[in-house]
Amino acid sequence: MSLSVVILAAGKGTRMKSHLPKVLHPIANKPMVQHIIDTVTSLGAENIHLIYGHGGDQLKDTLSHNNLSWCLQAEQLGTGHAVQQAAPHIKDDEDVLILVGDAPLIKPSTLKQLVEVKQTADLALLTVNLDDPTGMGRIIRDGDQVKAIVEHKDATDEQRQISEINTGMMIMGGADLKRWLSALKSDNAQGEFYLTDVIEMASNEGRVIKASQPDSAIEVEGINNRKQLAMIERAYQVNKANELLLEGLYILDPNRFDLRGSIEFGQDCVIDVNAIVQGAVKLGNGVKIGPNCQLIDCEIGDDTVVEANSVIEQAQVEKNCTIGPFGRLRPGAVMKDGAKVGNFVEMKKSTLGKGSKANHLSYLGDTQVGEGANIGAGTITCNYDGVNKFKTVIGDGAFIGSNSSLVAPAHIGINATVGAGSTITKEVEDDQLAIARGKQKNISGWQRPQKNK
């Protein structure tokens, strides 16, 4: 039987205290509802119906790359009313999996198990046991058979002692779902149409109702405020870190690691504390990442060492390089084998040739550096005239003295030398020494300025 999915995502999320719809708040730099969409896509769902309400334009803009059926719930009159908005799109001969849009940690394996349980029942729901079920709908059983779900507000004192609660996630046949939805009533404390009432309807018809549970309660934990958002973010990151550890990536502290994209890695890679990995990152063999580093859409070659507090973004680093501490590679930066960028060096749209070094306090923008060159401390390639960018070329074996400014377009020849403190505005040919600084003048008997009394 084919499978369709309904995701409930119409709530405003008032307790988030945000202009952003609740389900668009990010977990690992991705909207929480996108995690759920990706999960059900992996199940091979034929259709994904997204129930939306508040912030509809924002939702559509953010999620436009997905193949979704959009179902507007103009008034929020309960979960049953929400699913009713998808009813016209539901086929009689398909299974319909109903999920909440604010529980992003739900695993594909948990949902697959729920789908499998449905094959031996008329309706299957996902439940979990909590130490403190306050505020949650309680599962009413008769032995192994689920009979009803009673919302906390409507539960008796005895029913409130039950620890098994409803997660809001369930699966049933399309024809049954539509029939039960049409019979929902709002005669309850909230005056809403509860989706959970279909459980009692199914039970009254003598239908088989079974329950399935996740491996961990955190999978079905919903997000209603910023505190819960932060808790789920950390749970997600620890889970990812533990998965990577088992795959062979040595993360020194799984509690201080953030993956906000994807990472590929070779053998014997080590990542120190507080690393942030964003976008698509690829590490070769033996790569060492120091503490407090940020890696964004970059590739780092074998045996490269990235020292503390460095940022590498949309850059390519080859083998045996050293970066930092406090190095910054901006988009378009390329380091060839054995190159070195030291502390407080920034590269943008520049190539540092094989074995070349910029050890400290330099800016290389729109620069092509050959092999075996040395860039002294405080060197700047002045690539911008306020309107246009220009390129600097530094030849193999060149030596740029400290505190030099190379005004682009500039060309420094092979094995050329630039004296410290120079401002270079003309071409320096191969093997030449260029010195461009004012002549030193020492004045005896000079009186320093004094403060006025």
Protein backbone atom coordinates (compact mmCIF):
# COMPACT_ATOMS: atom_id res chain seq x y z
CA MET A 1 0.00 0.00 0.00
CA SER A 2 1.27 3.49 -0.85
CA LEU A 3 2.16 5.95 1.90
CA SER A 4 1.31 9.63 2.24
CA VAL A 5 2.31 11.93 5.08
CA VAL A 6 0.52 14.81 6.79
CA ILE A 7 2.74 17.21 8.77
CA LEU A 8 1.03 19.54 11.25
CA ALA A 9 2.85 22.88 11.00
CA ALA A 10 0.17 25.57 11.33
CA GLY A 11 0.90 26.75 14.87
CA LYS A 12 2.24 30.25 15.50
CA GLY A 13 4.55 29.23 18.33
CA THR A 14 3.73 32.17 20.58
CA ARG A 15 6.11 30.99 23.32
CA MET A 16 9.04 31.27 20.90
CA LYS A 17 8.49 35.07 21.05
CA SER A 18 9.57 35.45 17.45
CA HIS A 19 8.33 36.76 14.10
CA LEU A 20 9.53 33.48 12.59
CA PRO A 21 6.97 30.63 12.45
CA LYS A 22 7.87 28.02 15.03
CA VAL A 23 8.63 25.20 12.61
CA LEU A 24 11.16 27.37 10.75
CA HIS A 25 13.40 27.80 13.78
CA PRO A 26 16.64 25.97 13.01
CA ILE A 27 18.17 22.83 14.38
CA ALA A 28 21.72 22.39 13.07
CA ASN A 29 21.21 25.37 10.75
CA LYS A 30 18.17 23.75 9.10
CA PRO A 31 14.48 24.49 9.83
CA MET A 32 13.11 21.94 12.27
CA VAL A 33 10.31 20.99 9.89
CA GLN A 34 12.87 20.40 7.11
CA HIS A 35 14.40 17.64 9.25
CA ILE A 36 10.99 15.95 9.30
CA ILE A 37 10.47 16.43 5.56
CA ASP A 38 13.88 14.87 4.88
CA THR A 39 13.07 11.94 7.18
CA VAL A 40 9.75 11.08 5.54
CA THR A 41 11.25 11.55 2.08
CA SER A 42 13.68 8.77 2.99
CA LEU A 43 10.65 6.54 3.69
CA GLY A 44 9.52 6.86 0.09
CA ALA A 45 6.32 8.79 0.85
CA GLU A 46 4.23 9.36 -2.28
CA ASN A 47 2.82 12.69 -1.06
CA ILE A 48 3.75 15.06 1.76
CA HIS A 49 0.88 17.33 2.83
CA LEU A 50 2.03 20.29 4.94
CA ILE A 51 -0.68 21.91 7.07
CA TYR A 52 0.23 25.58 7.39
CA GLY A 53 -1.34 28.68 8.93
CA HIS A 54 0.72 31.41 10.54
CA GLY A 55 3.59 32.76 8.44
CA GLY A 56 2.48 30.98 5.30
CA ASP A 57 4.55 33.16 2.95
CA GLN A 58 7.67 32.59 5.01
CA LEU A 59 7.06 28.86 5.05
CA LYS A 60 6.55 28.69 1.30
CA ASP A 61 9.64 30.80 0.59
CA THR A 62 11.86 28.72 2.89
CA LEU A 63 10.53 25.30 1.89
CA SER A 64 9.92 25.96 -1.81
CA HIS A 65 12.61 23.48 -2.91
CA ASN A 66 10.55 20.60 -1.49
CA ASN A 67 7.79 18.78 -3.36
CA LEU A 68 4.95 19.52 -0.94
CA SER A 69 1.17 19.67 -1.02
CA TRP A 70 0.23 22.89 0.80
CA CYS A 71 -2.95 22.75 2.92
CA LEU A 72 -4.07 25.97 4.62
CA GLN A 73 -5.59 25.87 8.09
CA ALA A 74 -6.93 29.42 8.24
CA GLU A 75 -8.26 28.99 11.80
CA GLN A 76 -6.45 26.85 14.34
CA LEU A 77 -9.33 24.75 15.69
CA GLY A 78 -7.36 21.74 16.84
CA THR A 79 -5.34 18.88 15.44
CA GLY A 80 -8.36 17.12 13.98
CA HIS A 81 -9.37 20.30 12.16
CA ALA A 82 -5.80 20.59 10.85
CA VAL A 83 -5.84 17.12 9.30
CA GLN A 84 -9.29 17.82 7.82
CA GLN A 85 -7.60 20.39 5.56
CA ALA A 86 -5.67 17.57 3.89
CA ALA A 87 -8.65 15.22 3.57
CA PRO A 88 -9.55 16.23 -0.02
CA HIS A 89 -6.05 15.15 -1.13
CA ILE A 90 -6.04 11.79 0.67
CA LYS A 91 -6.74 8.57 -1.25
CA ASP A 92 -8.91 5.85 0.21
CA ASP A 93 -6.44 3.09 -0.62
CA GLU A 94 -3.31 4.57 0.94
CA ASP A 95 -1.85 4.64 4.42
CA VAL A 96 -1.60 8.11 5.94
CA LEU A 97 1.16 8.89 8.43
CA ILE A 98 0.40 11.95 10.57
CA LEU A 99 3.35 13.77 12.16
CA VAL A 100 3.90 16.94 14.16
CA GLY A 101 6.16 19.61 12.71
CA ASP A 102 8.02 20.50 15.89
CA ALA A 103 9.70 17.16 16.77
CA PRO A 104 12.75 17.18 14.47
CA LEU A 105 14.68 14.33 16.11
CA ILE A 106 12.30 11.58 15.00
CA LYS A 107 14.34 8.82 13.35
CA PRO A 108 13.53 7.10 10.05
CA SER A 109 13.88 3.75 11.82
CA THR A 110 11.21 4.73 14.35
CA LEU A 111 8.77 5.71 11.62
CA LYS A 112 9.54 2.57 9.61
CA GLN A 113 8.71 0.52 12.68
CA LEU A 114 5.43 2.40 13.08
CA VAL A 115 4.56 1.74 9.43
CA GLU A 116 5.34 -1.96 9.93
CA VAL A 117 3.11 -2.13 13.04
CA LYS A 118 0.25 -0.71 10.94
CA GLN A 119 0.50 -3.72 8.62
CA THR A 120 -0.95 -5.87 11.44
CA ALA A 121 -3.48 -3.32 12.69
CA ASP A 122 -6.13 -0.89 11.51
CA LEU A 123 -4.46 2.00 13.27
CA ALA A 124 -1.04 2.39 14.87
CA LEU A 125 0.15 5.24 17.04
CA LEU A 126 3.47 6.28 18.49
CA THR A 127 3.51 6.54 22.28
CA VAL A 128 6.17 7.11 24.90
CA ASN A 129 6.42 6.77 28.68
CA LEU A 130 7.43 9.90 30.58
CA ASP A 131 8.40 10.44 34.20
CA ASP A 132 6.36 13.65 34.14
CA PRO A 133 3.48 13.45 31.63
CA THR A 134 1.84 16.69 32.81
CA GLY A 135 -0.05 18.42 30.03
CA MET A 136 0.08 15.43 27.67
CA GLY A 137 -2.73 13.23 26.33
CA ARG A 138 -2.86 9.89 28.22
CA ILE A 139 -3.12 6.49 26.53
CA ILE A 140 -6.11 4.51 27.77
CA ARG A 141 -5.65 0.75 27.34
CA ASP A 142 -7.57 -2.46 27.78
CA GLY A 143 -4.68 -4.88 28.04
CA ASP A 144 -2.59 -4.56 24.88
CA GLN A 145 -5.39 -2.84 23.01
CA VAL A 146 -5.41 0.98 22.91
CA LYS A 147 -8.92 2.24 23.61
CA ALA A 148 -8.63 6.03 23.69
CA ILE A 149 -6.45 9.08 24.23
CA VAL A 150 -7.63 11.54 26.85
CA GLU A 151 -6.23 15.06 26.83
CA HIS A 152 -4.77 16.25 30.14
CA LYS A 153 -7.44 18.94 30.55
CA ASP A 154 -10.22 16.37 30.16
CA ALA A 155 -8.58 13.54 32.15
CA THR A 156 -9.71 12.36 35.57
CA ASP A 157 -7.28 12.30 38.49
CA GLU A 158 -6.87 8.55 38.00
CA GLN A 159 -6.15 8.94 34.28
CA ARG A 160 -3.55 11.61 35.02
CA GLN A 161 -1.50 8.98 36.86
CA ILE A 162 -0.87 7.19 33.55
CA SER A 163 2.68 7.74 32.29
CA GLU A 164 2.16 6.58 28.69
CA ILE A 165 1.38 9.56 26.52
CA ASN A 166 0.42 10.37 22.98
CA THR A 167 3.13 11.83 20.71
CA GLY A 168 0.66 13.11 18.12
CA MET A 169 2.05 10.72 15.52
CA MET A 170 -0.09 7.93 14.06
CA ILE A 171 -0.89 6.03 10.89
CA MET A 172 -4.13 4.63 9.45
CA GLY A 173 -5.84 3.92 6.15
CA GLY A 174 -7.06 6.85 4.09
CA ALA A 175 -10.72 5.79 3.92
CA ASP A 176 -10.90 5.24 7.68
CA LEU A 177 -9.18 8.54 8.41
CA LYS A 178 -11.58 10.57 6.27
CA ARG A 179 -14.64 8.88 7.77
CA TRP A 180 -13.44 9.46 11.33
CA LEU A 181 -12.42 13.06 10.61
CA SER A 182 -15.93 13.84 9.35
CA ALA A 183 -17.40 12.58 12.64
CA LEU A 184 -15.22 14.69 14.98
CA LYS A 185 -16.95 16.96 17.49
CA SER A 186 -15.63 19.87 19.54
CA ASP A 187 -17.52 19.20 22.79
CA ASN A 188 -14.45 19.37 25.05
CA ALA A 189 -12.80 21.83 27.42
CA GLN A 190 -11.03 23.67 24.58
CA GLY A 191 -13.83 23.61 22.05
CA GLU A 192 -11.46 22.06 19.52
CA PHE A 193 -11.54 19.11 17.14
CA TYR A 194 -9.08 16.58 18.57
CA LEU A 195 -7.40 14.16 16.18
CA THR A 196 -7.00 11.86 19.17
CA ASP A 197 -10.75 11.23 19.20
CA VAL A 198 -10.33 8.94 16.18
CA ILE A 199 -8.70 6.41 18.50
CA GLU A 200 -11.93 6.03 20.49
CA MET A 201 -13.95 5.90 17.27
CA ALA A 202 -11.77 3.08 15.95
CA SER A 203 -12.06 1.27 19.27
CA ASN A 204 -15.84 1.57 19.27
CA GLU A 205 -15.85 -0.03 15.82
CA GLY A 206 -13.84 -2.94 17.21
CA ARG A 207 -10.83 -2.08 15.12
CA VAL A 208 -7.31 -3.28 16.00
CA ILE A 209 -5.24 -0.43 17.48
CA LYS A 210 -1.58 -0.98 18.27
CA ALA A 211 1.15 1.22 19.67
CA SER A 212 4.85 1.54 18.92
CA GLN A 213 7.51 3.39 20.87
CA PRO A 214 10.80 5.11 19.89
CA ASP A 215 14.17 4.04 21.27
CA SER A 216 14.42 7.30 23.20
CA ALA A 217 11.89 9.86 24.39
CA ILE A 218 14.04 12.67 22.97
CA GLU A 219 12.97 11.60 19.46
CA VAL A 220 9.42 12.76 20.05
CA GLU A 221 10.23 15.78 22.19
CA GLY A 222 8.37 18.81 20.84
CA ILE A 223 9.70 22.35 20.77
CA ASN A 224 7.57 25.15 22.19
CA ASN A 225 10.08 27.71 23.48
CA ARG A 226 13.71 28.77 23.13
CA LYS A 227 14.83 26.67 26.07
CA GLN A 228 13.48 23.52 24.42
CA LEU A 229 14.99 24.62 21.10
CA ALA A 230 18.44 24.82 22.71
CA MET A 231 17.95 21.45 24.43
CA ILE A 232 16.97 19.74 21.17
CA GLU A 233 19.88 21.39 19.35
CA ARG A 234 22.33 19.98 21.88
CA ALA A 235 20.73 16.53 21.79
CA TYR A 236 20.97 16.53 18.00
CA GLN A 237 24.62 17.55 18.07
CA VAL A 238 25.63 14.98 20.69
CA ASN A 239 23.89 12.26 18.67
CA LYS A 240 25.74 13.34 15.52
CA ALA A 241 29.07 13.50 17.35
CA ASN A 242 28.58 9.99 18.73
CA GLU A 243 27.72 8.68 15.26
CA LEU A 244 30.90 10.25 13.85
CA LEU A 245 32.99 8.83 16.67
CA LEU A 246 31.78 5.35 15.81
CA GLU A 247 32.66 6.03 12.16
CA GLY A 248 36.24 6.87 13.17
CA LEU A 249 36.35 10.66 13.53
CA TYR A 250 37.95 11.53 16.86
CA ILE A 251 35.96 14.36 18.46
CA LEU A 252 37.59 15.23 21.77
CA ASP A 253 34.34 16.32 23.44
CA PRO A 254 31.02 15.33 21.83
CA ASN A 255 29.27 17.91 24.00
CA ARG A 256 31.26 20.72 22.38
CA PHE A 257 30.88 19.99 18.69
CA ASP A 258 28.42 21.36 16.12
CA LEU A 259 27.65 19.83 12.74
CA ARG A 260 25.50 22.16 10.64
CA GLY A 261 25.88 20.35 7.35
CA SER A 262 27.86 17.29 6.30
CA ILE A 263 31.42 16.08 6.82
CA GLU A 264 33.57 13.53 4.99
CA PHE A 265 36.84 12.45 6.54
CA GLY A 266 39.76 10.08 6.17
CA GLN A 267 41.58 8.13 8.84
CA ASP A 268 43.11 9.55 12.02
CA CYS A 269 41.42 12.94 11.93
CA VAL A 270 41.05 14.82 15.22
CA ILE A 271 38.70 17.68 16.06
CA ASP A 272 39.24 19.61 19.28
CA VAL A 273 36.54 21.36 21.31
CA ASN A 274 34.04 23.96 20.09
CA ALA A 275 34.46 23.23 16.39
CA ILE A 276 31.63 24.28 14.06
CA VAL A 277 31.31 22.37 10.79
CA GLN A 278 28.93 24.05 8.35
CA GLY A 279 27.91 23.21 4.80
CA ALA A 280 29.87 20.48 2.99
CA VAL A 281 33.28 19.85 4.57
CA LYS A 282 35.84 17.26 3.49
CA LEU A 283 38.92 16.26 5.50
CA GLY A 284 41.76 14.08 4.23
CA ASN A 285 43.77 11.66 6.35
CA GLY A 286 45.48 12.82 9.52
CA VAL A 287 43.89 16.28 9.63
CA LYS A 288 44.06 18.02 13.01
CA ILE A 289 41.53 20.74 13.83
CA GLY A 290 42.31 22.84 16.90
CA PRO A 291 39.83 24.33 19.38
CA ASN A 292 37.29 27.01 18.46
CA CYS A 293 37.62 26.58 14.70
CA GLN A 294 34.92 27.10 12.08
CA LEU A 295 34.94 25.09 8.85
CA ILE A 296 32.49 26.15 6.15
CA ASP A 297 32.16 24.46 2.73
CA CYS A 298 35.85 23.68 2.51
CA GLU A 299 38.28 20.88 1.66
CA ILE A 300 41.38 20.21 3.75
CA GLY A 301 44.11 17.85 2.57
CA ASP A 302 46.09 15.12 4.31
CA ASP A 303 48.15 15.89 7.43
CA THR A 304 47.15 19.54 7.55
CA VAL A 305 47.02 21.22 10.96
CA VAL A 306 44.48 23.94 11.67
CA GLU A 307 45.44 25.73 14.86
CA ALA A 308 43.03 27.30 17.34
CA ASN A 309 40.48 29.99 16.48
CA SER A 310 40.81 29.72 12.71
CA VAL A 311 38.04 30.16 10.13
CA ILE A 312 38.14 28.39 6.76
CA GLU A 313 35.30 29.24 4.39
CA GLN A 314 34.86 28.06 0.79
CA ALA A 315 38.58 27.44 0.57
CA GLN A 316 40.79 24.61 -0.63
CA VAL A 317 43.74 23.48 1.43
CA GLU A 318 46.13 20.85 0.08
CA LYS A 319 48.45 18.46 1.96
CA ASN A 320 50.78 19.22 4.88
CA CYS A 321 49.64 22.81 5.35
CA THR A 322 49.50 24.79 8.59
CA ILE A 323 46.86 27.40 9.38
CA GLY A 324 46.64 29.69 12.39
CA PRO A 325 46.18 30.18 15.20
CA PHE A 326 43.68 32.90 14.29
CA GLY A 327 44.06 32.28 10.56
CA ARG A 328 41.24 33.17 8.21
CA LEU A 329 40.73 31.76 4.73
CA ARG A 330 37.88 33.49 2.94
CA PRO A 331 36.10 32.28 -0.22
CA GLY A 332 38.43 31.51 -3.09
CA ALA A 333 41.52 30.97 -0.94
CA VAL A 334 43.81 28.12 -2.05
CA MET A 335 46.82 26.77 -0.16
CA LYS A 336 49.13 24.45 -2.06
CA ASP A 337 51.08 21.57 -0.50
CA GLY A 338 53.16 22.60 2.51
CA ALA A 339 52.02 26.23 2.54
CA LYS A 340 51.65 28.04 5.83
CA VAL A 341 49.29 30.76 7.02
CA GLY A 342 50.15 31.93 10.53
CA ASN A 343 48.41 33.92 13.21
CA PHE A 344 46.20 36.81 12.11
CA VAL A 345 46.72 36.19 8.40
CA GLU A 346 43.75 36.60 6.09
CA MET A 347 43.44 35.30 2.53
CA LYS A 348 40.67 36.10 0.07
CA LYS A 349 40.48 34.82 -3.52
CA SER A 350 44.20 34.15 -3.37
CA THR A 351 46.59 31.24 -3.91
CA LEU A 352 49.57 30.58 -1.66
CA GLY A 353 51.98 28.41 -3.61
CA LYS A 354 53.67 25.18 -2.60
CA GLY A 355 55.87 25.70 0.47
CA SER A 356 55.15 29.43 0.65
CA LYS A 357 54.62 31.16 3.98
CA ALA A 358 52.71 34.10 5.36
CA ASN A 359 53.51 33.63 9.01
CA HIS A 360 51.73 36.52 10.68
CA LEU A 361 49.67 39.68 10.50
CA SER A 362 49.15 39.87 6.73
CA TYR A 363 46.33 40.31 4.22
CA LEU A 364 46.46 38.61 0.82
CA GLY A 365 43.53 39.64 -1.38
CA ASP A 366 43.28 38.72 -5.08
CA THR A 367 46.87 37.51 -4.95
CA GLN A 368 48.78 34.77 -6.74
CA VAL A 369 51.85 33.67 -4.76
CA GLY A 370 54.30 31.25 -6.35
CA GLU A 371 56.28 28.45 -4.71
CA GLY A 372 58.71 28.94 -1.83
CA ALA A 373 57.88 32.60 -1.27
CA ASN A 374 57.99 34.34 2.11
CA ILE A 375 55.49 37.05 3.05
CA GLY A 376 56.74 39.13 5.99
CA ALA A 377 54.66 40.30 8.93
CA GLY A 378 52.31 43.19 8.26
CA THR A 379 52.30 42.79 4.48
CA ILE A 380 49.19 43.97 2.67
CA THR A 381 48.20 43.46 -0.93
CA CYS A 382 46.20 46.61 -1.63
CA ASN A 383 43.67 45.12 -4.03
CA TYR A 384 40.83 47.65 -3.87
CA ASP A 385 40.75 51.26 -5.07
CA GLY A 386 37.28 51.93 -3.69
CA VAL A 387 35.56 50.79 -6.88
CA ASN A 388 37.44 47.92 -8.52
CA LYS A 389 39.58 44.97 -7.41
CA PHE A 390 43.05 44.36 -8.88
CA LYS A 391 45.43 41.40 -8.78
CA THR A 392 48.90 41.01 -7.28
CA VAL A 393 51.35 38.38 -8.56
CA ILE A 394 54.32 37.31 -6.42
CA GLY A 395 56.82 35.02 -8.11
CA ASP A 396 58.53 31.85 -6.89
CA GLY A 397 61.08 32.38 -4.13
CA ALA A 398 60.19 36.05 -3.62
CA PHE A 399 60.81 37.62 -0.21
CA ILE A 400 58.48 40.37 0.94
CA GLY A 401 59.84 42.29 3.90
CA SER A 402 57.74 43.14 6.92
CA ASN A 403 55.20 45.96 6.87
CA SER A 404 55.14 46.24 3.08
CA SER A 405 52.20 47.42 0.98
CA LEU A 406 51.90 46.06 -2.54
CA VAL A 407 49.56 48.34 -4.48
CA ALA A 408 47.72 46.31 -7.11
CA PRO A 409 47.96 45.71 -9.95
CA ALA A 410 51.42 44.62 -8.84
CA HIS A 411 53.98 42.12 -10.07
CA ILE A 412 56.88 40.91 -7.95
CA GLY A 413 59.30 38.78 -9.94
CA ILE A 414 60.94 35.41 -9.25
CA ASN A 415 63.43 35.57 -6.36
CA ALA A 416 62.80 39.31 -6.02
CA THR A 417 63.09 41.00 -2.62
CA VAL A 418 61.01 43.83 -1.21
CA GLY A 419 62.65 45.74 1.64
CA ALA A 420 60.74 46.08 4.89
CA GLY A 421 58.40 49.05 5.13
CA SER A 422 58.14 49.54 1.38
CA THR A 423 55.11 50.69 -0.60
CA ILE A 424 55.44 49.09 -4.01
CA THR A 425 53.63 50.74 -6.91
CA LYS A 426 55.78 49.54 -9.84
CA GLU A 427 56.83 46.15 -11.17
CA VAL A 428 59.77 44.46 -9.45
CA GLU A 429 61.62 42.25 -11.91
CA ASP A 430 63.23 38.86 -11.22
CA ASP A 431 66.09 38.93 -8.71
CA GLN A 432 65.72 42.65 -8.04
CA LEU A 433 65.67 44.36 -4.63
CA ALA A 434 62.99 47.00 -4.29
CA ILE A 435 63.02 49.57 -1.50
CA ALA A 436 60.38 52.28 -1.44
CA ARG A 437 60.42 54.23 1.81
CA GLY A 438 61.26 57.73 2.96
CA LYS A 439 64.87 58.53 3.83
CA GLN A 440 65.47 58.46 7.58
CA LYS A 441 66.27 61.79 9.17
CA ASN A 442 67.39 62.16 12.81
CA ILE A 443 66.90 65.59 14.47
CA SER A 444 68.96 66.40 17.56
CA GLY A 445 67.58 68.54 20.35
CA TRP A 446 63.98 68.03 19.33
CA GLN A 447 61.45 69.11 21.95
CA ARG A 448 58.44 66.86 22.49
CA PRO A 449 55.06 68.61 22.69
CA GLN A 450 53.92 69.40 26.23
CA LYS A 451 50.42 69.51 27.66
CA ASN A 452 49.06 72.99 28.31
CA LYS A 453 48.95 73.87 31.99
